[in-house]
Amino acid sequence: MAQTRWYAAMILGNEKVQYKPAVTNLLRNLKDADPKVRSESAQALGKIRLDVPILIEPLAALLDDTNANIRAESALALGRLTPDSQPARTKLLQLRADKDPNVQSAALRALTLLDKKSNERP
C-alpha cells in the first residue's frame, strides 16, 4: 500500500498537477509512516510549485526528519515555492551544517532559489 502512495506522489509531481484534491493528498502523505512516501510527496509539492503559503509549514516540519532524503527533498521543495518560504529560511541556514552532504547541498540550493525570488519581487 505504501508503494502505491509513493508512486502516486511521484506521478502527481511529474504531471505538475495543480488540483486541490491532489495537493490535499500530498499534504496528508507528508505525515505517512513510510519515508519513501514522505520524500516523494515533498518532492511532488516542490515540482508543482504552487504559490500557496499553506504548504510552507508542513514542508518546513520535515526539515527535522530523521531521514536525510526527506530533509533534502523538503528543502528543495521550499526553495521552489514562493518567496514567502522565508520563515523556513532559519532552518535552511542550519541545514548547511547537516551531517549529510546531500542535505547540505539541498539547503544551499533552496536558499539560492529563495534569494533569487526575493530579488525578483517588485
PDB file of N, CA and C in Angstrom:
ATOM      1  N   MET A   1       0.821  -1.198   0.000  1.00  0.00           N
ATOM      2  CA  MET A   1       0.000   0.000   0.000  1.00  0.00           C
ATOM      3  C   MET A   1       0.869   1.268   0.000  1.00  0.00           C
ATOM      4  N   ALA A   2       1.962   1.257   0.796  1.00  0.00           N
ATOM      5  CA  ALA A   2       2.844   2.423   0.815  1.00  0.00           C
ATOM      6  C   ALA A   2       3.455   2.648  -0.562  1.00  0.00           C
ATOM      7  N   GLN A   3       3.756   1.559  -1.261  1.00  0.00           N
ATOM      8  CA  GLN A   3       4.334   1.688  -2.602  1.00  0.00           C
ATOM      9  C   GLN A   3       3.363   2.414  -3.528  1.00  0.00           C
ATOM     10  N   THR A   4       2.089   2.142  -3.396  1.00  0.00           N
ATOM     11  CA  THR A   4       1.079   2.813  -4.205  1.00  0.00           C
ATOM     12  C   THR A   4       1.047   4.303  -3.892  1.00  0.00           C
ATOM     13  N   ARG A   5       1.142   4.656  -2.600  1.00  0.00           N
ATOM     14  CA  ARG A   5       1.106   6.065  -2.197  1.00  0.00           C
ATOM     15  C   ARG A   5       2.326   6.820  -2.711  1.00  0.00           C
ATOM     16  N   TRP A   6       3.518   6.233  -2.593  1.00  0.00           N
ATOM     17  CA  TRP A   6       4.702   6.961  -3.065  1.00  0.00           C
ATOM     18  C   TRP A   6       4.697   7.051  -4.584  1.00  0.00           C
ATOM     19  N   TYR A   7       4.192   6.016  -5.267  1.00  0.00           N
ATOM     20  CA  TYR A   7       4.137   6.060  -6.723  1.00  0.00           C
ATOM     21  C   TYR A   7       3.148   7.149  -7.180  1.00  0.00           C
ATOM     22  N   ALA A   8       2.023   7.243  -6.505  1.00  0.00           N
ATOM     23  CA  ALA A   8       1.038   8.279  -6.830  1.00  0.00           C
ATOM     24  C   ALA A   8       1.630   9.668  -6.607  1.00  0.00           C
ATOM     25  N   ALA A   9       2.378   9.837  -5.520  1.00  0.00           N
ATOM     26  CA  ALA A   9       3.016  11.127  -5.251  1.00  0.00           C
ATOM     27  C   ALA A   9       4.017  11.467  -6.346  1.00  0.00           C
ATOM     28  N   MET A  10       4.771  10.482  -6.783  1.00  0.00           N
ATOM     29  CA  MET A  10       5.756  10.696  -7.832  1.00  0.00           C
ATOM     30  C   MET A  10       5.080  11.121  -9.135  1.00  0.00           C
ATOM     31  N   ILE A  11       3.992  10.441  -9.498  1.00  0.00           N
ATOM     32  CA  ILE A  11       3.256  10.753 -10.726  1.00  0.00           C
ATOM     33  C   ILE A  11       2.669  12.158 -10.657  1.00  0.00           C
ATOM     34  N   LEU A  12       2.071  12.513  -9.523  1.00  0.00           N
ATOM     35  CA  LEU A  12       1.469  13.841  -9.385  1.00  0.00           C
ATOM     36  C   LEU A  12       2.513  14.939  -9.535  1.00  0.00           C
ATOM     37  N   GLY A  13       3.689  14.728  -8.985  1.00  0.00           N
ATOM     38  CA  GLY A  13       4.749  15.713  -9.116  1.00  0.00           C
ATOM     39  C   GLY A  13       5.231  15.839 -10.550  1.00  0.00           C
ATOM     40  N   ASN A  14       5.307  14.735 -11.258  1.00  0.00           N
ATOM     41  CA  ASN A  14       5.753  14.767 -12.642  1.00  0.00           C
ATOM     42  C   ASN A  14       4.732  15.402 -13.559  1.00  0.00           C
ATOM     43  N   GLU A  15       3.488  15.311 -13.208  1.00  0.00           N
ATOM     44  CA  GLU A  15       2.423  15.876 -14.032  1.00  0.00           C
ATOM     45  C   GLU A  15       2.197  17.362 -13.743  1.00  0.00           C
ATOM     46  N   LYS A  16       2.827  17.892 -12.693  1.00  0.00           N
ATOM     47  CA  LYS A  16       2.645  19.285 -12.285  1.00  0.00           C
ATOM     48  C   LYS A  16       1.159  19.632 -12.141  1.00  0.00           C
ATOM     49  N   VAL A  17       0.456  18.728 -11.504  1.00  0.00           N
ATOM     50  CA  VAL A  17      -0.975  18.893 -11.272  1.00  0.00           C
ATOM     51  C   VAL A  17      -1.200  20.043 -10.302  1.00  0.00           C
ATOM     52  N   GLN A  18      -2.117  20.913 -10.619  1.00  0.00           N
ATOM     53  CA  GLN A  18      -2.479  21.988  -9.703  1.00  0.00           C
ATOM     54  C   GLN A  18      -3.942  21.813  -9.313  1.00  0.00           C
ATOM     55  N   TYR A  19      -4.243  20.663  -8.816  1.00  0.00           N
ATOM     56  CA  TYR A  19      -5.592  20.306  -8.476  1.00  0.00           C
ATOM     57  C   TYR A  19      -5.678  20.124  -6.972  1.00  0.00           C
ATOM     58  N   LYS A  20      -6.608  20.823  -6.348  1.00  0.00           N
ATOM     59  CA  LYS A  20      -6.694  20.865  -4.885  1.00  0.00           C
ATOM     60  C   LYS A  20      -6.723  19.485  -4.220  1.00  0.00           C
ATOM     61  N   PRO A  21      -7.517  18.522  -4.684  1.00  0.00           N
ATOM     62  CA  PRO A  21      -7.501  17.216  -4.017  1.00  0.00           C
ATOM     63  C   PRO A  21      -6.127  16.535  -4.064  1.00  0.00           C
ATOM     64  N   ALA A  22      -5.398  16.735  -5.141  1.00  0.00           N
ATOM     65  CA  ALA A  22      -4.062  16.143  -5.237  1.00  0.00           C
ATOM     66  C   ALA A  22      -3.155  16.754  -4.178  1.00  0.00           C
ATOM     67  N   VAL A  23      -3.210  18.055  -4.031  1.00  0.00           N
ATOM     68  CA  VAL A  23      -2.385  18.733  -3.036  1.00  0.00           C
ATOM     69  C   VAL A  23      -2.785  18.297  -1.632  1.00  0.00           C
ATOM     70  N   THR A  24      -4.063  18.156  -1.394  1.00  0.00           N
ATOM     71  CA  THR A  24      -4.548  17.694  -0.096  1.00  0.00           C
ATOM     72  C   THR A  24      -3.979  16.320   0.228  1.00  0.00           C
ATOM     73  N   ASN A  25      -3.997  15.423  -0.742  1.00  0.00           N
ATOM     74  CA  ASN A  25      -3.444  14.084  -0.520  1.00  0.00           C
ATOM     75  C   ASN A  25      -1.938  14.132  -0.299  1.00  0.00           C
ATOM     76  N   LEU A  26      -1.249  14.954  -1.052  1.00  0.00           N
ATOM     77  CA  LEU A  26       0.197  15.070  -0.875  1.00  0.00           C
ATOM     78  C   LEU A  26       0.541  15.624   0.507  1.00  0.00           C
ATOM     79  N   LEU A  27      -0.223  16.597   0.965  1.00  0.00           N
ATOM     80  CA  LEU A  27      -0.002  17.132   2.308  1.00  0.00           C
ATOM     81  C   LEU A  27      -0.215  16.054   3.370  1.00  0.00           C
ATOM     82  N   ARG A  28      -1.244  15.260   3.198  1.00  0.00           N
ATOM     83  CA  ARG A  28      -1.503  14.159   4.134  1.00  0.00           C
ATOM     84  C   ARG A  28      -0.352  13.157   4.102  1.00  0.00           C
ATOM     85  N   ASN A  29       0.185  12.908   2.910  1.00  0.00           N
ATOM     86  CA  ASN A  29       1.277  11.947   2.764  1.00  0.00           C
ATOM     87  C   ASN A  29       2.575  12.414   3.431  1.00  0.00           C
ATOM     88  N   LEU A  30       2.709  13.708   3.690  1.00  0.00           N
ATOM     89  CA  LEU A  30       3.904  14.195   4.371  1.00  0.00           C
ATOM     90  C   LEU A  30       4.024  13.630   5.779  1.00  0.00           C
ATOM     91  N   LYS A  31       2.913  13.104   6.306  1.00  0.00           N
ATOM     92  CA  LYS A  31       2.910  12.512   7.650  1.00  0.00           C
ATOM     93  C   LYS A  31       2.877  10.991   7.613  1.00  0.00           C
ATOM     94  N   ASP A  32       3.024  10.405   6.432  1.00  0.00           N
ATOM     95  CA  ASP A  32       2.974   8.958   6.272  1.00  0.00           C
ATOM     96  C   ASP A  32       4.111   8.289   7.052  1.00  0.00           C
ATOM     97  N   ALA A  33       3.865   7.079   7.515  1.00  0.00           N
ATOM     98  CA  ALA A  33       4.891   6.326   8.250  1.00  0.00           C
ATOM     99  C   ALA A  33       6.047   5.910   7.342  1.00  0.00           C
ATOM    100  N   ASP A  34       5.781   5.741   6.064  1.00  0.00           N
ATOM    101  CA  ASP A  34       6.803   5.288   5.128  1.00  0.00           C
ATOM    102  C   ASP A  34       7.647   6.480   4.663  1.00  0.00           C
ATOM    103  N   PRO A  35       8.962   6.436   4.889  1.00  0.00           N
ATOM    104  CA  PRO A  35       9.815   7.554   4.489  1.00  0.00           C
ATOM    105  C   PRO A  35       9.801   7.830   2.986  1.00  0.00           C
ATOM    106  N   LYS A  36       9.644   6.811   2.188  1.00  0.00           N
ATOM    107  CA  LYS A  36       9.625   6.997   0.742  1.00  0.00           C
ATOM    108  C   LYS A  36       8.388   7.791   0.315  1.00  0.00           C
ATOM    109  N   VAL A  37       7.279   7.545   0.976  1.00  0.00           N
ATOM    110  CA  VAL A  37       6.041   8.278   0.689  1.00  0.00           C
ATOM    111  C   VAL A  37       6.226   9.751   1.069  1.00  0.00           C
ATOM    112  N   ARG A  38       6.810  10.007   2.245  1.00  0.00           N
ATOM    113  CA  ARG A  38       7.044  11.388   2.678  1.00  0.00           C
ATOM    114  C   ARG A  38       7.982  12.107   1.703  1.00  0.00           C
ATOM    115  N   SER A  39       9.038  11.420   1.300  1.00  0.00           N
ATOM    116  CA  SER A  39      10.016  12.010   0.394  1.00  0.00           C
ATOM    117  C   SER A  39       9.409  12.341  -0.962  1.00  0.00           C
ATOM    118  N   GLU A  40       8.703  11.384  -1.562  1.00  0.00           N
ATOM    119  CA  GLU A  40       8.088  11.614  -2.875  1.00  0.00           C
ATOM    120  C   GLU A  40       7.028  12.704  -2.816  1.00  0.00           C
ATOM    121  N   SER A  41       6.309  12.761  -1.700  1.00  0.00           N
ATOM    122  CA  SER A  41       5.266  13.781  -1.553  1.00  0.00           C
ATOM    123  C   SER A  41       5.882  15.174  -1.453  1.00  0.00           C
ATOM    124  N   ALA A  42       6.968  15.298  -0.693  1.00  0.00           N
ATOM    125  CA  ALA A  42       7.662  16.590  -0.601  1.00  0.00           C
ATOM    126  C   ALA A  42       8.193  16.999  -1.971  1.00  0.00           C
ATOM    127  N   GLN A  43       8.782  16.050  -2.666  1.00  0.00           N
ATOM    128  CA  GLN A  43       9.314  16.325  -3.997  1.00  0.00           C
ATOM    129  C   GLN A  43       8.202  16.759  -4.952  1.00  0.00           C
ATOM    130  N   ALA A  44       7.074  16.069  -4.903  1.00  0.00           N
ATOM    131  CA  ALA A  44       5.943  16.397  -5.779  1.00  0.00           C
ATOM    132  C   ALA A  44       5.420  17.804  -5.497  1.00  0.00           C
ATOM    133  N   LEU A  45       5.304  18.162  -4.219  1.00  0.00           N
ATOM    134  CA  LEU A  45       4.823  19.506  -3.879  1.00  0.00           C
ATOM    135  C   LEU A  45       5.779  20.576  -4.391  1.00  0.00           C
ATOM    136  N   GLY A  46       7.061  20.301  -4.358  1.00  0.00           N
ATOM    137  CA  GLY A  46       8.027  21.241  -4.899  1.00  0.00           C
ATOM    138  C   GLY A  46       7.943  21.363  -6.405  1.00  0.00           C
ATOM    139  N   LYS A  47       7.692  20.252  -7.069  1.00  0.00           N
ATOM    140  CA  LYS A  47       7.588  20.267  -8.532  1.00  0.00           C
ATOM    141  C   LYS A  47       6.330  20.985  -9.003  1.00  0.00           C
ATOM    142  N   ILE A  48       5.261  20.856  -8.237  1.00  0.00           N
ATOM    143  CA  ILE A  48       4.005  21.515  -8.597  1.00  0.00           C
ATOM    144  C   ILE A  48       4.184  23.032  -8.526  1.00  0.00           C
ATOM    145  N   ARG A  49       5.012  23.493  -7.596  1.00  0.00           N
ATOM    146  CA  ARG A  49       5.361  24.905  -7.459  1.00  0.00           C
ATOM    147  C   ARG A  49       4.163  25.824  -7.284  1.00  0.00           C
ATOM    148  N   LEU A  50       3.247  25.418  -6.464  1.00  0.00           N
ATOM    149  CA  LEU A  50       2.110  26.279  -6.167  1.00  0.00           C
ATOM    150  C   LEU A  50       2.558  27.426  -5.278  1.00  0.00           C
ATOM    151  N   ASP A  51       1.994  28.572  -5.496  1.00  0.00           N
ATOM    152  CA  ASP A  51       2.290  29.733  -4.682  1.00  0.00           C
ATOM    153  C   ASP A  51       1.274  29.796  -3.544  1.00  0.00           C
ATOM    154  N   VAL A  52       1.320  28.778  -2.679  1.00  0.00           N
ATOM    155  CA  VAL A  52       0.329  28.631  -1.617  1.00  0.00           C
ATOM    156  C   VAL A  52       1.045  28.557  -0.266  1.00  0.00           C
ATOM    157  N   PRO A  53       0.893  29.565   0.567  1.00  0.00           N
ATOM    158  CA  PRO A  53       1.584  29.580   1.860  1.00  0.00           C
ATOM    159  C   PRO A  53       1.274  28.380   2.761  1.00  0.00           C
ATOM    160  N   ILE A  54       0.133  27.730   2.559  1.00  0.00           N
ATOM    161  CA  ILE A  54      -0.228  26.595   3.408  1.00  0.00           C
ATOM    162  C   ILE A  54       0.756  25.420   3.267  1.00  0.00           C
ATOM    163  N   LEU A  55       1.524  25.401   2.213  1.00  0.00           N
ATOM    164  CA  LEU A  55       2.494  24.323   2.004  1.00  0.00           C
ATOM    165  C   LEU A  55       3.767  24.520   2.831  1.00  0.00           C
ATOM    166  N   ILE A  56       4.042  25.723   3.240  1.00  0.00           N
ATOM    167  CA  ILE A  56       5.323  26.031   3.886  1.00  0.00           C
ATOM    168  C   ILE A  56       5.494  25.302   5.209  1.00  0.00           C
ATOM    169  N   GLU A  57       4.532  25.409   6.095  1.00  0.00           N
ATOM    170  CA  GLU A  57       4.680  24.827   7.432  1.00  0.00           C
ATOM    171  C   GLU A  57       4.865  23.309   7.410  1.00  0.00           C
ATOM    172  N   PRO A  58       4.041  22.554   6.663  1.00  0.00           N
ATOM    173  CA  PRO A  58       4.241  21.097   6.649  1.00  0.00           C
ATOM    174  C   PRO A  58       5.591  20.685   6.049  1.00  0.00           C
ATOM    175  N   LEU A  59       6.031  21.396   5.022  1.00  0.00           N
ATOM    176  CA  LEU A  59       7.338  21.078   4.430  1.00  0.00           C
ATOM    177  C   LEU A  59       8.472  21.468   5.380  1.00  0.00           C
ATOM    178  N   ALA A  60       8.331  22.607   6.033  1.00  0.00           N
ATOM    179  CA  ALA A  60       9.357  23.037   6.987  1.00  0.00           C
ATOM    180  C   ALA A  60       9.478  22.056   8.149  1.00  0.00           C
ATOM    181  N   ALA A  61       8.365  21.467   8.551  1.00  0.00           N
ATOM    182  CA  ALA A  61       8.406  20.481   9.636  1.00  0.00           C
ATOM    183  C   ALA A  61       9.265  19.272   9.258  1.00  0.00           C
ATOM    184  N   LEU A  62       9.297  18.938   7.982  1.00  0.00           N
ATOM    185  CA  LEU A  62      10.081  17.788   7.539  1.00  0.00           C
ATOM    186  C   LEU A  62      11.581  18.082   7.496  1.00  0.00           C
ATOM    187  N   LEU A  63      11.967  19.313   7.664  1.00  0.00           N
ATOM    188  CA  LEU A  63      13.390  19.633   7.708  1.00  0.00           C
ATOM    189  C   LEU A  63      14.058  19.039   8.943  1.00  0.00           C
ATOM    190  N   ASP A  64      13.245  18.594   9.899  1.00  0.00           N
ATOM    191  CA  ASP A  64      13.760  17.941  11.112  1.00  0.00           C
ATOM    192  C   ASP A  64      13.632  16.422  11.060  1.00  0.00           C
ATOM    193  N   ASP A  65      13.193  15.878   9.946  1.00  0.00           N
ATOM    194  CA  ASP A  65      13.008  14.434   9.822  1.00  0.00           C
ATOM    195  C   ASP A  65      14.335  13.706  10.041  1.00  0.00           C
ATOM    196  N   THR A  66      14.263  12.494  10.564  1.00  0.00           N
ATOM    197  CA  THR A  66      15.479  11.702  10.785  1.00  0.00           C
ATOM    198  C   THR A  66      16.062  11.166   9.480  1.00  0.00           C
ATOM    199  N   ASN A  67      15.250  11.126   8.419  1.00  0.00           N
ATOM    200  CA  ASN A  67      15.690  10.614   7.129  1.00  0.00           C
ATOM    201  C   ASN A  67      16.293  11.759   6.311  1.00  0.00           C
ATOM    202  N   ALA A  68      17.551  11.600   5.917  1.00  0.00           N
ATOM    203  CA  ALA A  68      18.260  12.649   5.184  1.00  0.00           C
ATOM    204  C   ALA A  68      17.603  12.964   3.843  1.00  0.00           C
ATOM    205  N   ASN A  69      17.108  11.956   3.148  1.00  0.00           N
ATOM    206  CA  ASN A  69      16.471  12.194   1.859  1.00  0.00           C
ATOM    207  C   ASN A  69      15.225  13.063   2.004  1.00  0.00           C
ATOM    208  N   ILE A  70      14.496  12.848   3.072  1.00  0.00           N
ATOM    209  CA  ILE A  70      13.293  13.651   3.322  1.00  0.00           C
ATOM    210  C   ILE A  70      13.680  15.098   3.631  1.00  0.00           C
ATOM    211  N   ARG A  71      14.737  15.288   4.422  1.00  0.00           N
ATOM    212  CA  ARG A  71      15.200  16.647   4.716  1.00  0.00           C
ATOM    213  C   ARG A  71      15.620  17.348   3.425  1.00  0.00           C
ATOM    214  N   ALA A  72      16.341  16.627   2.574  1.00  0.00           N
ATOM    215  CA  ALA A  72      16.812  17.217   1.315  1.00  0.00           C
ATOM    216  C   ALA A  72      15.644  17.570   0.395  1.00  0.00           C
ATOM    217  N   GLU A  73      14.714  16.651   0.207  1.00  0.00           N
ATOM    218  CA  GLU A  73      13.573  16.912  -0.682  1.00  0.00           C
ATOM    219  C   GLU A  73      12.698  18.044  -0.162  1.00  0.00           C
ATOM    220  N   SER A  74      12.533  18.118   1.150  1.00  0.00           N
ATOM    221  CA  SER A  74      11.732  19.194   1.739  1.00  0.00           C
ATOM    222  C   SER A  74      12.407  20.543   1.548  1.00  0.00           C
ATOM    223  N   ALA A  75      13.728  20.566   1.711  1.00  0.00           N
ATOM    224  CA  ALA A  75      14.470  21.805   1.499  1.00  0.00           C
ATOM    225  C   ALA A  75      14.313  22.276   0.059  1.00  0.00           C
ATOM    226  N   LEU A  76      14.499  21.373  -0.883  1.00  0.00           N
ATOM    227  CA  LEU A  76      14.362  21.742  -2.294  1.00  0.00           C
ATOM    228  C   LEU A  76      12.947  22.208  -2.617  1.00  0.00           C
ATOM    229  N   ALA A  77      11.959  21.524  -2.056  1.00  0.00           N
ATOM    230  CA  ALA A  77      10.564  21.919  -2.295  1.00  0.00           C
ATOM    231  C   ALA A  77      10.324  23.336  -1.793  1.00  0.00           C
ATOM    232  N   LEU A  78      10.838  23.657  -0.609  1.00  0.00           N
ATOM    233  CA  LEU A  78      10.669  25.007  -0.071  1.00  0.00           C
ATOM    234  C   LEU A  78      11.351  26.042  -0.956  1.00  0.00           C
ATOM    235  N   GLY A  79      12.489  25.704  -1.494  1.00  0.00           N
ATOM    236  CA  GLY A  79      13.181  26.624  -2.384  1.00  0.00           C
ATOM    237  C   GLY A  79      12.431  26.873  -3.676  1.00  0.00           C
ATOM    238  N   ARG A  80      11.674  25.878  -4.117  1.00  0.00           N
ATOM    239  CA  ARG A  80      10.926  26.006  -5.377  1.00  0.00           C
ATOM    240  C   ARG A  80       9.605  26.746  -5.199  1.00  0.00           C
ATOM    241  N   LEU A  81       9.177  26.885  -3.956  1.00  0.00           N
ATOM    242  CA  LEU A  81       7.903  27.553  -3.698  1.00  0.00           C
ATOM    243  C   LEU A  81       8.073  29.066  -3.741  1.00  0.00           C
ATOM    244  N   THR A  82       7.127  29.718  -3.201  1.00  0.00           N
ATOM    245  CA  THR A  82       7.061  31.170  -3.151  1.00  0.00           C
ATOM    246  C   THR A  82       8.178  31.775  -2.304  1.00  0.00           C
ATOM    247  N   PRO A  83       8.529  33.019  -2.541  1.00  0.00           N
ATOM    248  CA  PRO A  83       9.477  33.686  -1.640  1.00  0.00           C
ATOM    249  C   PRO A  83       8.942  33.768  -0.211  1.00  0.00           C
ATOM    250  N   ASP A  84       7.660  33.528  -0.033  1.00  0.00           N
ATOM    251  CA  ASP A  84       7.083  33.515   1.305  1.00  0.00           C
ATOM    252  C   ASP A  84       7.575  32.332   2.125  1.00  0.00           C
ATOM    253  N   SER A  85       8.418  31.492   1.525  1.00  0.00           N
ATOM    254  CA  SER A  85       9.039  30.393   2.261  1.00  0.00           C
ATOM    255  C   SER A  85      10.105  30.905   3.217  1.00  0.00           C
ATOM    256  N   GLN A  86      10.293  32.208   3.268  1.00  0.00           N
ATOM    257  CA  GLN A  86      11.315  32.801   4.120  1.00  0.00           C
ATOM    258  C   GLN A  86      11.230  32.359   5.586  1.00  0.00           C
ATOM    259  N   PRO A  87      10.040  32.086   6.152  1.00  0.00           N
ATOM    260  CA  PRO A  87      10.027  31.619   7.539  1.00  0.00           C
ATOM    261  C   PRO A  87      10.840  30.336   7.749  1.00  0.00           C
ATOM    262  N   ALA A  88      11.005  29.551   6.702  1.00  0.00           N
ATOM    263  CA  ALA A  88      11.799  28.324   6.803  1.00  0.00           C
ATOM    264  C   ALA A  88      13.286  28.609   6.622  1.00  0.00           C
ATOM    265  N   ARG A  89      13.611  29.830   6.297  1.00  0.00           N
ATOM    266  CA  ARG A  89      14.998  30.205   5.996  1.00  0.00           C
ATOM    267  C   ARG A  89      15.961  29.894   7.141  1.00  0.00           C
ATOM    268  N   THR A  90      15.549  30.153   8.366  1.00  0.00           N
ATOM    269  CA  THR A  90      16.420  29.893   9.524  1.00  0.00           C
ATOM    270  C   THR A  90      16.806  28.422   9.591  1.00  0.00           C
ATOM    271  N   LYS A  91      15.839  27.562   9.402  1.00  0.00           N
ATOM    272  CA  LYS A  91      16.131  26.125   9.439  1.00  0.00           C
ATOM    273  C   LYS A  91      16.991  25.723   8.241  1.00  0.00           C
ATOM    274  N   LEU A  92      16.734  26.303   7.082  1.00  0.00           N
ATOM    275  CA  LEU A  92      17.556  26.007   5.902  1.00  0.00           C
ATOM    276  C   LEU A  92      19.004  26.438   6.137  1.00  0.00           C
ATOM    277  N   LEU A  93      19.189  27.561   6.782  1.00  0.00           N
ATOM    278  CA  LEU A  93      20.541  28.028   7.113  1.00  0.00           C
ATOM    279  C   LEU A  93      21.245  27.019   8.028  1.00  0.00           C
ATOM    280  N   GLN A  94      20.501  26.459   8.975  1.00  0.00           N
ATOM    281  CA  GLN A  94      21.075  25.454   9.883  1.00  0.00           C
ATOM    282  C   GLN A  94      21.441  24.176   9.142  1.00  0.00           C
ATOM    283  N   LEU A  95      20.645  23.823   8.132  1.00  0.00           N
ATOM    284  CA  LEU A  95      20.902  22.581   7.396  1.00  0.00           C
ATOM    285  C   LEU A  95      22.172  22.641   6.552  1.00  0.00           C
ATOM    286  N   ARG A  96      22.741  23.810   6.374  1.00  0.00           N
ATOM    287  CA  ARG A  96      24.015  23.895   5.657  1.00  0.00           C
ATOM    288  C   ARG A  96      25.104  23.132   6.401  1.00  0.00           C
ATOM    289  N   ALA A  97      24.885  22.892   7.697  1.00  0.00           N
ATOM    290  CA  ALA A  97      25.844  22.148   8.520  1.00  0.00           C
ATOM    291  C   ALA A  97      25.355  20.735   8.830  1.00  0.00           C
ATOM    292  N   ASP A  98      24.351  20.253   8.120  1.00  0.00           N
ATOM    293  CA  ASP A  98      23.823  18.900   8.329  1.00  0.00           C
ATOM    294  C   ASP A  98      24.942  17.873   8.125  1.00  0.00           C
ATOM    295  N   LYS A  99      24.823  16.746   8.803  1.00  0.00           N
ATOM    296  CA  LYS A  99      25.849  15.706   8.663  1.00  0.00           C
ATOM    297  C   LYS A  99      25.819  15.037   7.291  1.00  0.00           C
ATOM    298  N   ASP A 100      24.707  15.169   6.573  1.00  0.00           N
ATOM    299  CA  ASP A 100      24.583  14.549   5.252  1.00  0.00           C
ATOM    300  C   ASP A 100      24.892  15.586   4.163  1.00  0.00           C
ATOM    301  N   PRO A 101      25.861  15.297   3.285  1.00  0.00           N
ATOM    302  CA  PRO A 101      26.213  16.268   2.245  1.00  0.00           C
ATOM    303  C   PRO A 101      25.086  16.560   1.257  1.00  0.00           C
ATOM    304  N   ASN A 102      24.201  15.606   1.025  1.00  0.00           N
ATOM    305  CA  ASN A 102      23.063  15.855   0.128  1.00  0.00           C
ATOM    306  C   ASN A 102      22.100  16.866   0.739  1.00  0.00           C
ATOM    307  N   VAL A 103      21.926  16.807   2.044  1.00  0.00           N
ATOM    308  CA  VAL A 103      21.067  17.771   2.737  1.00  0.00           C
ATOM    309  C   VAL A 103      21.718  19.151   2.694  1.00  0.00           C
ATOM    310  N   GLN A 104      23.021  19.212   2.929  1.00  0.00           N
ATOM    311  CA  GLN A 104      23.744  20.476   2.852  1.00  0.00           C
ATOM    312  C   GLN A 104      23.560  21.113   1.478  1.00  0.00           C
ATOM    313  N   SER A 105      23.742  20.319   0.438  1.00  0.00           N
ATOM    314  CA  SER A 105      23.606  20.804  -0.935  1.00  0.00           C
ATOM    315  C   SER A 105      22.186  21.284  -1.218  1.00  0.00           C
ATOM    316  N   ALA A 106      21.200  20.507  -0.769  1.00  0.00           N
ATOM    317  CA  ALA A 106      19.795  20.882  -0.992  1.00  0.00           C
ATOM    318  C   ALA A 106      19.460  22.181  -0.269  1.00  0.00           C
ATOM    319  N   ALA A 107      19.962  22.334   0.944  1.00  0.00           N
ATOM    320  CA  ALA A 107      19.702  23.562   1.707  1.00  0.00           C
ATOM    321  C   ALA A 107      20.315  24.773   1.003  1.00  0.00           C
ATOM    322  N   LEU A 108      21.534  24.623   0.509  1.00  0.00           N
ATOM    323  CA  LEU A 108      22.177  25.715  -0.220  1.00  0.00           C
ATOM    324  C   LEU A 108      21.414  26.067  -1.489  1.00  0.00           C
ATOM    325  N   ARG A 109      20.961  25.049  -2.196  1.00  0.00           N
ATOM    326  CA  ARG A 109      20.182  25.277  -3.423  1.00  0.00           C
ATOM    327  C   ARG A 109      18.871  26.004  -3.098  1.00  0.00           C
ATOM    328  N   ALA A 110      18.202  25.554  -2.040  1.00  0.00           N
ATOM    329  CA  ALA A 110      16.937  26.184  -1.640  1.00  0.00           C
ATOM    330  C   ALA A 110      17.151  27.642  -1.264  1.00  0.00           C
ATOM    331  N   LEU A 111      18.198  27.915  -0.506  1.00  0.00           N
ATOM    332  CA  LEU A 111      18.494  29.295  -0.113  1.00  0.00           C
ATOM    333  C   LEU A 111      18.802  30.162  -1.332  1.00  0.00           C
ATOM    334  N   THR A 112      19.515  29.608  -2.286  1.00  0.00           N
ATOM    335  CA  THR A 112      19.828  30.335  -3.515  1.00  0.00           C
ATOM    336  C   THR A 112      18.546  30.670  -4.276  1.00  0.00           C
ATOM    337  N   LEU A 113      17.652  29.688  -4.380  1.00  0.00           N
ATOM    338  CA  LEU A 113      16.383  29.914  -5.077  1.00  0.00           C
ATOM    339  C   LEU A 113      15.542  30.973  -4.368  1.00  0.00           C
ATOM    340  N   LEU A 114      15.489  30.908  -3.044  1.00  0.00           N
ATOM    341  CA  LEU A 114      14.708  31.891  -2.277  1.00  0.00           C
ATOM    342  C   LEU A 114      15.291  33.294  -2.442  1.00  0.00           C
ATOM    343  N   ASP A 115      16.612  33.390  -2.404  1.00  0.00           N
ATOM    344  CA  ASP A 115      17.252  34.689  -2.584  1.00  0.00           C
ATOM    345  C   ASP A 115      16.949  35.260  -3.970  1.00  0.00           C
ATOM    346  N   LYS A 116      17.021  34.397  -4.960  1.00  0.00           N
ATOM    347  CA  LYS A 116      16.743  34.825  -6.336  1.00  0.00           C
ATOM    348  C   LYS A 116      15.303  35.345  -6.453  1.00  0.00           C
ATOM    349  N   LYS A 117      14.358  34.612  -5.871  1.00  0.00           N
ATOM    350  CA  LYS A 117      12.950  35.030  -5.939  1.00  0.00           C
ATOM    351  C   LYS A 117      12.721  36.322  -5.175  1.00  0.00           C
ATOM    352  N   SER A 118      13.385  36.476  -4.046  1.00  0.00           N
ATOM    353  CA  SER A 118      13.224  37.710  -3.264  1.00  0.00           C
ATOM    354  C   SER A 118      13.731  38.913  -4.049  1.00  0.00           C
ATOM    355  N   ASN A 119      14.817  38.726  -4.772  1.00  0.00           N
ATOM    356  CA  ASN A 119      15.380  39.813  -5.582  1.00  0.00           C
ATOM    357  C   ASN A 119      14.537  40.138  -6.795  1.00  0.00           C
ATOM    358  N   GLU A 120      13.740  39.175  -7.264  1.00  0.00           N
ATOM    359  CA  GLU A 120      12.899  39.388  -8.442  1.00  0.00           C
ATOM    360  C   GLU A 120      11.575  40.047  -8.093  1.00  0.00           C
ATOM    361  N   ARG A 121      11.232  40.055  -6.832  1.00  0.00           N
ATOM    362  CA  ARG A 121       9.948  40.643  -6.415  1.00  0.00           C
ATOM    363  C   ARG A 121       9.941  42.140  -6.661  1.00  0.00           C
ATOM    364  N   PRO A 122       8.785  42.651  -7.142  1.00  0.00           N
ATOM    365  CA  PRO A 122       8.682  44.099  -7.399  1.00  0.00           C
ATOM    366  C   PRO A 122       8.663  44.901  -6.107  1.00  0.00           C
TER     367      PRO A 122
END
